[in-house]
Amino acid sequence: MPNSPRPADRLEKGSCRIVDLGTGTGAICLALLDAVLDARGLGTDISEDALATACENARRNGLAERFETLRSNWLEAVNGRFDIIVSNPPYIRSNVIPDLEPEVKFHDPAAALDGGEDGLNAYRAIASDAGRHLEPDGVIGLEIGFDQKQAVTALFEAHGFHMLYAAKDLGGNDRVLVFEHDPAAPRV
């Protein structure tokens, strides 16, 4: 991957469409909209309260005209194609949640933390549907748990994607993966 371009270097057309899956407060999408003035964003979430919070945050930050929300379970209700798909999905294994620090397990709703038995439920849903929503030169950026790089990569590779870029957090843990659809793989 040393010769792979960083995701920001790939989008040269000046504008883009972003979808943030499980947007929560909208922080990821709104940060991208703030950085890319010609971008438009869609935040999806299953929680009406989360969507209302994301809309209010967009308004407070002067981004409301370029940000929309949609109640959707991952990509189920989404139409169209996007240049960038992002998500910080729930990735904690169900059996670990009771042992989380109180500031974690009591701050976020359980649905925002619980990634299922192996922590990969959201990644499965996103990988299975992302190909039909991603522009040909688009990218998918995902936050992952510190020990999920190989498993998430395998899930996306099974759906015709390959990893472009991986980033670590300040603690040296794998934290973000960026994928593109493999041009040789059939588009779904």
C-alpha atoms as a PDB file:
ATOM      1  CA  MET A   1       0.000   0.000   0.000  1.00  0.00           C
ATOM      2  CA  PRO A   2       2.896   2.490   0.052  1.00  0.00           C
ATOM      3  CA  ASN A   3       2.015   3.684  -3.454  1.00  0.00           C
ATOM      4  CA  SER A   4      -1.703   3.960  -2.759  1.00  0.00           C
ATOM      5  CA  PRO A   5      -2.921   7.548  -2.741  1.00  0.00           C
ATOM      6  CA  ARG A   6      -4.436   8.903   0.431  1.00  0.00           C
ATOM      7  CA  PRO A   7      -8.230   9.246   0.125  1.00  0.00           C
ATOM      8  CA  ALA A   8      -8.147  13.061   0.080  1.00  0.00           C
ATOM      9  CA  ASP A   9      -5.755  12.985  -2.880  1.00  0.00           C
ATOM     10  CA  ARG A  10      -8.166  10.899  -4.988  1.00  0.00           C
ATOM     11  CA  LEU A  11     -11.108  13.275  -5.185  1.00  0.00           C
ATOM     12  CA  GLU A  12     -10.100  15.992  -7.596  1.00  0.00           C
ATOM     13  CA  LYS A  13     -13.461  16.836  -9.139  1.00  0.00           C
ATOM     14  CA  GLY A  14     -14.105  19.625  -6.621  1.00  0.00           C
ATOM     15  CA  SER A  15     -17.375  18.387  -5.206  1.00  0.00           C
ATOM     16  CA  CYS A  16     -18.615  15.180  -3.746  1.00  0.00           C
ATOM     17  CA  ARG A  17     -21.570  13.424  -2.171  1.00  0.00           C
ATOM     18  CA  ILE A  18     -21.013  11.899   1.249  1.00  0.00           C
ATOM     19  CA  VAL A  19     -23.165   9.474   3.206  1.00  0.00           C
ATOM     20  CA  ASP A  20     -22.452   8.927   6.900  1.00  0.00           C
ATOM     21  CA  LEU A  21     -24.013   5.658   8.062  1.00  0.00           C
ATOM     22  CA  GLY A  22     -25.098   5.652  11.698  1.00  0.00           C
ATOM     23  CA  THR A  23     -24.346   9.374  11.844  1.00  0.00           C
ATOM     24  CA  GLY A  24     -25.212   9.852  15.520  1.00  0.00           C
ATOM     25  CA  THR A  25     -24.387  13.496  16.251  1.00  0.00           C
ATOM     26  CA  GLY A  26     -23.251  14.021  12.655  1.00  0.00           C
ATOM     27  CA  ALA A  27     -19.666  14.728  13.720  1.00  0.00           C
ATOM     28  CA  ILE A  28     -17.916  12.819  10.916  1.00  0.00           C
ATOM     29  CA  CYS A  29     -20.065  14.075   8.056  1.00  0.00           C
ATOM     30  CA  LEU A  30     -20.137  17.637   9.355  1.00  0.00           C
ATOM     31  CA  ALA A  31     -16.343  17.704   9.725  1.00  0.00           C
ATOM     32  CA  LEU A  32     -16.025  16.540   6.114  1.00  0.00           C
ATOM     33  CA  LEU A  33     -18.535  19.138   4.929  1.00  0.00           C
ATOM     34  CA  ASP A  34     -16.604  21.829   6.770  1.00  0.00           C
ATOM     35  CA  ALA A  35     -13.381  20.720   5.060  1.00  0.00           C
ATOM     36  CA  VAL A  36     -14.826  20.315   1.539  1.00  0.00           C
ATOM     37  CA  LEU A  37     -16.868  23.379   0.671  1.00  0.00           C
ATOM     38  CA  ASP A  38     -18.545  21.860  -2.397  1.00  0.00           C
ATOM     39  CA  ALA A  39     -19.537  18.633  -0.649  1.00  0.00           C
ATOM     40  CA  ARG A  40     -23.087  17.633   0.234  1.00  0.00           C
ATOM     41  CA  GLY A  41     -23.804  15.138   2.993  1.00  0.00           C
ATOM     42  CA  LEU A  42     -26.473  12.697   4.039  1.00  0.00           C
ATOM     43  CA  GLY A  43     -26.499  11.348   7.588  1.00  0.00           C
ATOM     44  CA  THR A  44     -28.417   8.141   8.219  1.00  0.00           C
ATOM     45  CA  ASP A  45     -29.377   6.628  11.550  1.00  0.00           C
ATOM     46  CA  ILE A  46     -32.068   4.408  13.028  1.00  0.00           C
ATOM     47  CA  SER A  47     -32.600   6.909  15.835  1.00  0.00           C
ATOM     48  CA  GLU A  48     -34.857   9.914  15.267  1.00  0.00           C
ATOM     49  CA  ASP A  49     -33.206  11.583  18.290  1.00  0.00           C
ATOM     50  CA  ALA A  50     -29.769  11.132  16.728  1.00  0.00           C
ATOM     51  CA  LEU A  51     -30.982  12.585  13.432  1.00  0.00           C
ATOM     52  CA  ALA A  52     -32.480  15.591  15.236  1.00  0.00           C
ATOM     53  CA  THR A  53     -29.171  16.144  17.054  1.00  0.00           C
ATOM     54  CA  ALA A  54     -27.216  15.890  13.793  1.00  0.00           C
ATOM     55  CA  CYS A  55     -29.546  18.437  12.139  1.00  0.00           C
ATOM     56  CA  GLU A  56     -29.137  20.835  15.057  1.00  0.00           C
ATOM     57  CA  ASN A  57     -25.345  20.436  14.927  1.00  0.00           C
ATOM     58  CA  ALA A  58     -25.404  21.158  11.188  1.00  0.00           C
ATOM     59  CA  ARG A  59     -27.467  24.290  11.833  1.00  0.00           C
ATOM     60  CA  ARG A  60     -25.156  25.477  14.632  1.00  0.00           C
ATOM     61  CA  ASN A  61     -22.134  25.040  12.398  1.00  0.00           C
ATOM     62  CA  GLY A  62     -23.606  26.744   9.332  1.00  0.00           C
ATOM     63  CA  LEU A  63     -23.793  23.500   7.349  1.00  0.00           C
ATOM     64  CA  ALA A  64     -27.549  22.859   7.316  1.00  0.00           C
ATOM     65  CA  GLU A  65     -27.955  23.778   3.630  1.00  0.00           C
ATOM     66  CA  ARG A  66     -25.541  21.013   2.624  1.00  0.00           C
ATOM     67  CA  PHE A  67     -26.614  18.335   5.122  1.00  0.00           C
ATOM     68  CA  GLU A  68     -29.698  16.107   5.063  1.00  0.00           C
ATOM     69  CA  THR A  69     -30.785  13.212   7.229  1.00  0.00           C
ATOM     70  CA  LEU A  70     -32.614   9.984   6.537  1.00  0.00           C
ATOM     71  CA  ARG A  71     -33.898   7.355   8.917  1.00  0.00           C
ATOM     72  CA  SER A  72     -32.283   4.181   7.668  1.00  0.00           C
ATOM     73  CA  ASN A  73     -30.740   0.996   8.974  1.00  0.00           C
ATOM     74  CA  TRP A  74     -27.355   1.347   7.283  1.00  0.00           C
ATOM     75  CA  LEU A  75     -28.043   1.595   3.529  1.00  0.00           C
ATOM     76  CA  GLU A  76     -31.529   0.046   3.464  1.00  0.00           C
ATOM     77  CA  ALA A  77     -33.482   3.267   2.725  1.00  0.00           C
ATOM     78  CA  VAL A  78     -30.685   5.056   0.851  1.00  0.00           C
ATOM     79  CA  ASN A  79     -30.973   5.799  -2.873  1.00  0.00           C
ATOM     80  CA  GLY A  80     -28.265   6.948  -5.242  1.00  0.00           C
ATOM     81  CA  ARG A  81     -24.494   6.816  -5.381  1.00  0.00           C
ATOM     82  CA  PHE A  82     -21.907   8.581  -3.277  1.00  0.00           C
ATOM     83  CA  ASP A  83     -18.273   9.535  -3.644  1.00  0.00           C
ATOM     84  CA  ILE A  84     -17.591   8.849   0.017  1.00  0.00           C
ATOM     85  CA  ILE A  85     -19.269   6.434   2.409  1.00  0.00           C
ATOM     86  CA  VAL A  86     -18.189   6.813   6.035  1.00  0.00           C
ATOM     87  CA  SER A  87     -19.205   5.146   9.256  1.00  0.00           C
ATOM     88  CA  ASN A  88     -18.185   4.724  12.859  1.00  0.00           C
ATOM     89  CA  PRO A  89     -20.512   1.780  13.421  1.00  0.00           C
ATOM     90  CA  PRO A  90     -21.051  -0.162  16.642  1.00  0.00           C
ATOM     91  CA  TYR A  91     -18.150  -2.608  16.795  1.00  0.00           C
ATOM     92  CA  ILE A  92     -17.979  -3.810  20.385  1.00  0.00           C
ATOM     93  CA  ARG A  93     -18.750  -7.497  20.938  1.00  0.00           C
ATOM     94  CA  SER A  94     -22.025  -7.956  22.847  1.00  0.00           C
ATOM     95  CA  ASN A  95     -20.406  -9.926  25.671  1.00  0.00           C
ATOM     96  CA  VAL A  96     -17.890  -7.111  26.334  1.00  0.00           C
ATOM     97  CA  ILE A  97     -20.451  -4.318  26.835  1.00  0.00           C
ATOM     98  CA  PRO A  98     -21.252  -5.119  30.498  1.00  0.00           C
ATOM     99  CA  ASP A  99     -17.537  -4.756  31.311  1.00  0.00           C
ATOM    100  CA  LEU A 100     -17.060  -1.359  29.628  1.00  0.00           C
ATOM    101  CA  GLU A 101     -16.103   1.653  31.688  1.00  0.00           C
ATOM    102  CA  PRO A 102     -19.211   3.493  32.980  1.00  0.00           C
ATOM    103  CA  GLU A 103     -18.352   6.627  30.977  1.00  0.00           C
ATOM    104  CA  VAL A 104     -18.617   4.517  27.816  1.00  0.00           C
ATOM    105  CA  LYS A 105     -21.510   2.130  28.483  1.00  0.00           C
ATOM    106  CA  PHE A 106     -23.747   4.764  30.095  1.00  0.00           C
ATOM    107  CA  HIS A 107     -22.947   7.620  27.703  1.00  0.00           C
ATOM    108  CA  ASP A 108     -23.957   6.101  24.354  1.00  0.00           C
ATOM    109  CA  PRO A 109     -27.122   4.143  23.565  1.00  0.00           C
ATOM    110  CA  ALA A 110     -26.575   0.374  23.476  1.00  0.00           C
ATOM    111  CA  ALA A 111     -27.370   0.340  19.733  1.00  0.00           C
ATOM    112  CA  ALA A 112     -24.405   2.654  19.139  1.00  0.00           C
ATOM    113  CA  LEU A 113     -22.027   0.260  20.904  1.00  0.00           C
ATOM    114  CA  ASP A 114     -23.236  -3.303  20.330  1.00  0.00           C
ATOM    115  CA  GLY A 115     -21.759  -4.826  17.193  1.00  0.00           C
ATOM    116  CA  GLY A 116     -23.199  -8.270  17.801  1.00  0.00           C
ATOM    117  CA  GLU A 117     -21.585 -11.498  18.931  1.00  0.00           C
ATOM    118  CA  ASP A 118     -18.324 -10.876  17.059  1.00  0.00           C
ATOM    119  CA  GLY A 119     -18.602  -7.076  16.748  1.00  0.00           C
ATOM    120  CA  LEU A 120     -18.935  -7.264  12.958  1.00  0.00           C
ATOM    121  CA  ASN A 121     -22.701  -7.059  12.304  1.00  0.00           C
ATOM    122  CA  ALA A 122     -22.638  -3.482  10.992  1.00  0.00           C
ATOM    123  CA  TYR A 123     -19.639  -4.167   8.752  1.00  0.00           C
ATOM    124  CA  ARG A 124     -21.458  -7.129   7.192  1.00  0.00           C
ATOM    125  CA  ALA A 125     -24.496  -4.964   6.435  1.00  0.00           C
ATOM    126  CA  ILE A 126     -22.408  -2.144   4.981  1.00  0.00           C
ATOM    127  CA  ALA A 127     -20.133  -4.389   2.902  1.00  0.00           C
ATOM    128  CA  SER A 128     -23.054  -6.302   1.396  1.00  0.00           C
ATOM    129  CA  ASP A 129     -24.796  -3.162   0.126  1.00  0.00           C
ATOM    130  CA  ALA A 130     -22.055  -0.565  -0.394  1.00  0.00           C
ATOM    131  CA  GLY A 131     -21.112  -1.565  -3.947  1.00  0.00           C
ATOM    132  CA  ARG A 132     -24.391  -0.363  -5.396  1.00  0.00           C
ATOM    133  CA  HIS A 133     -24.114   3.004  -3.616  1.00  0.00           C
ATOM    134  CA  LEU A 134     -20.492   3.871  -4.345  1.00  0.00           C
ATOM    135  CA  GLU A 135     -19.373   5.891  -7.355  1.00  0.00           C
ATOM    136  CA  PRO A 136     -16.713   4.119  -9.474  1.00  0.00           C
ATOM    137  CA  ASP A 137     -13.882   6.208  -7.988  1.00  0.00           C
ATOM    138  CA  GLY A 138     -15.455   6.429  -4.535  1.00  0.00           C
ATOM    139  CA  VAL A 139     -14.078   5.360  -1.193  1.00  0.00           C
ATOM    140  CA  ILE A 140     -15.431   3.877   2.025  1.00  0.00           C
ATOM    141  CA  GLY A 141     -13.893   4.987   5.326  1.00  0.00           C
ATOM    142  CA  LEU A 142     -14.673   3.014   8.487  1.00  0.00           C
ATOM    143  CA  GLU A 143     -13.655   3.255  12.103  1.00  0.00           C
ATOM    144  CA  ILE A 144     -12.838  -0.172  13.525  1.00  0.00           C
ATOM    145  CA  GLY A 145     -12.057  -1.761  16.858  1.00  0.00           C
ATOM    146  CA  PHE A 146      -8.365  -2.150  17.661  1.00  0.00           C
ATOM    147  CA  ASP A 147      -8.393  -5.879  16.797  1.00  0.00           C
ATOM    148  CA  GLN A 148     -10.700  -5.900  13.756  1.00  0.00           C
ATOM    149  CA  LYS A 149      -8.471  -4.908  10.826  1.00  0.00           C
ATOM    150  CA  GLN A 150      -8.136  -8.402   9.365  1.00  0.00           C
ATOM    151  CA  ALA A 151     -11.776  -9.413   9.868  1.00  0.00           C
ATOM    152  CA  VAL A 152     -13.222  -6.186   8.419  1.00  0.00           C
ATOM    153  CA  THR A 153     -10.800  -6.301   5.492  1.00  0.00           C
ATOM    154  CA  ALA A 154     -11.820  -9.892   4.736  1.00  0.00           C
ATOM    155  CA  LEU A 155     -15.521  -8.937   4.810  1.00  0.00           C
ATOM    156  CA  PHE A 156     -15.014  -6.101   2.332  1.00  0.00           C
ATOM    157  CA  GLU A 157     -12.705  -8.134   0.085  1.00  0.00           C
ATOM    158  CA  ALA A 158     -15.429 -10.806  -0.121  1.00  0.00           C
ATOM    159  CA  HIS A 159     -17.705  -8.090  -1.573  1.00  0.00           C
ATOM    160  CA  GLY A 160     -15.249  -6.878  -4.220  1.00  0.00           C
ATOM    161  CA  PHE A 161     -13.387  -4.152  -2.322  1.00  0.00           C
ATOM    162  CA  HIS A 162      -9.731  -3.722  -1.557  1.00  0.00           C
ATOM    163  CA  MET A 163      -8.072  -1.664   1.120  1.00  0.00           C
ATOM    164  CA  LEU A 164      -6.434   1.571   0.032  1.00  0.00           C
ATOM    165  CA  TYR A 165      -5.291   2.898   3.336  1.00  0.00           C
ATOM    166  CA  ALA A 166      -5.149   2.040   7.029  1.00  0.00           C
ATOM    167  CA  ALA A 167      -4.563   4.481   9.880  1.00  0.00           C
ATOM    168  CA  LYS A 168      -3.686   3.978  13.512  1.00  0.00           C
ATOM    169  CA  ASP A 169      -4.884   6.030  16.457  1.00  0.00           C
ATOM    170  CA  LEU A 170      -2.552   7.905  18.805  1.00  0.00           C
ATOM    171  CA  GLY A 171      -2.151   4.733  20.866  1.00  0.00           C
ATOM    172  CA  GLY A 172      -0.803   2.845  17.831  1.00  0.00           C
ATOM    173  CA  ASN A 173      -3.965   0.764  17.392  1.00  0.00           C
ATOM    174  CA  ASP A 174      -5.546   0.096  14.014  1.00  0.00           C
ATOM    175  CA  ARG A 175      -8.504   2.517  13.890  1.00  0.00           C
ATOM    176  CA  VAL A 176      -9.540   3.514  10.324  1.00  0.00           C
ATOM    177  CA  LEU A 177      -9.719   1.538   7.094  1.00  0.00           C
ATOM    178  CA  VAL A 178     -10.376   3.018   3.662  1.00  0.00           C
ATOM    179  CA  PHE A 179     -11.598   0.805   0.825  1.00  0.00           C
ATOM    180  CA  GLU A 180     -12.420   1.182  -2.841  1.00  0.00           C
ATOM    181  CA  HIS A 181     -14.365  -1.153  -5.061  1.00  0.00           C
ATOM    182  CA  ASP A 182     -12.007  -3.323  -7.069  1.00  0.00           C
ATOM    183  CA  PRO A 183     -12.469  -2.346 -10.734  1.00  0.00           C
ATOM    184  CA  ALA A 184     -11.923  -5.991 -11.731  1.00  0.00           C
ATOM    185  CA  ALA A 185     -14.695  -7.207  -9.425  1.00  0.00           C
ATOM    186  CA  PRO A 186     -18.268  -7.223 -10.692  1.00  0.00           C
ATOM    187  CA  ARG A 187     -20.306  -4.233  -9.488  1.00  0.00           C
ATOM    188  CA  VAL A 188     -23.339  -5.218  -7.478  1.00  0.00           C
END
